[in-house]
Amino acid sequence: MSSESLDKLKPNLTRVAAKGTPVVARFASWVLDHYAEVAFSSIRGLAEKAGVNSNTVIRLAKELGYEGYDAFRADIQAAFRHRTIGYAARAEALHNRAGSDLFGEIIAANRANAEAVFSPEMQGLLESLIEPLLTARRVYSIGVRSCYSVAHYLSYVGSMAFDNFVTVPAQPGAIMDQLSRAGPDDIVVAITFEHYATEVVRACQIARDCGGRVLALTDSHRSPIALGAWHVVPLPMAGPQFIPSLNSAFVVVEMLLAGMAARSDRAVSNVRSFEERIQRFGGYVPV
């Protein structure tokens, strides 16, 4: 299905709601007002929310021309990737879901995300980024709100091993202060997902205007930080959580840092020096 899939699906659902068997018709009417629940629910979870049994869910999917529920849900998920889904709508889809059903879906989604991150294509992309990151004059890490945690991890761990990592900006105005100094020899690792952070989008524009290379870690090639980026790392972030999963972002960052350390002549001595300094001044609790 294309980005118009929901518009195409609506007439079919309306038809079933008007002419289907009573139970399936009522469920079709319910789905018309609850697309988000379909996108983020298992068969059992959706059936419980709608007050029907699992067989009714499957019957509706087949009535709409799908082989089963998974194909039906996948099309709605694909359509949602082309439109904004508020965090509140995602939270509403979670409301009153059973823990075992919910946890099972989160586990399945994280496995699928991991498979995408560990694919040969992704590994090849990350491999191609290692040498440029090692040889860049400076590596900036930019992320705000929930993505600040990823940017901070990249900056903190990166600076332990490599001399060219810049501390992630945290103070008001610090993003512009840093990136206005970027140049063609620098790489700006920017992290954001829908809802896309204004600060990060603006930071990427500043970096590009200054000639810096933007490495976009984001959820889609249609992301505003992907436009004009030097490279885009598409992050699989599927899952029913009310904020998209950041697990794949952390895994990508860990893979990049490990790959860089494996090739760097200075990483071992830098990490050893860092560790010894912190131990010397009591930063770690002895066990």
Foldseek 3Di string as FASTA:
>chain_A
DDLCVLVVQVVLLCVCLVDNDPVLNQVSVVCNVQLLLLLFFDLCQSCVVSVHHSVSQQVNCVSSPDPGSVVVNVSSNNNCVVDADALVSLVVSVPPGDPVRQVVQQVVLVVVLVCVCPDPVNVVVLLVCQVLVQQFQAEEFDDDDPCVVLSQVLQVLVVLFHVRYDHHDDDVPVLVVPLLPAAQSYEYEAEAEVVGDPVRLVSLVSNVVRHHAYEYEYQDCPDSSVVPHNYYNHGRFDHSNSDTDCPSSNVSSVVSSVSNCVPDPRRVVSNVVVVVVCVVVVVDDDD
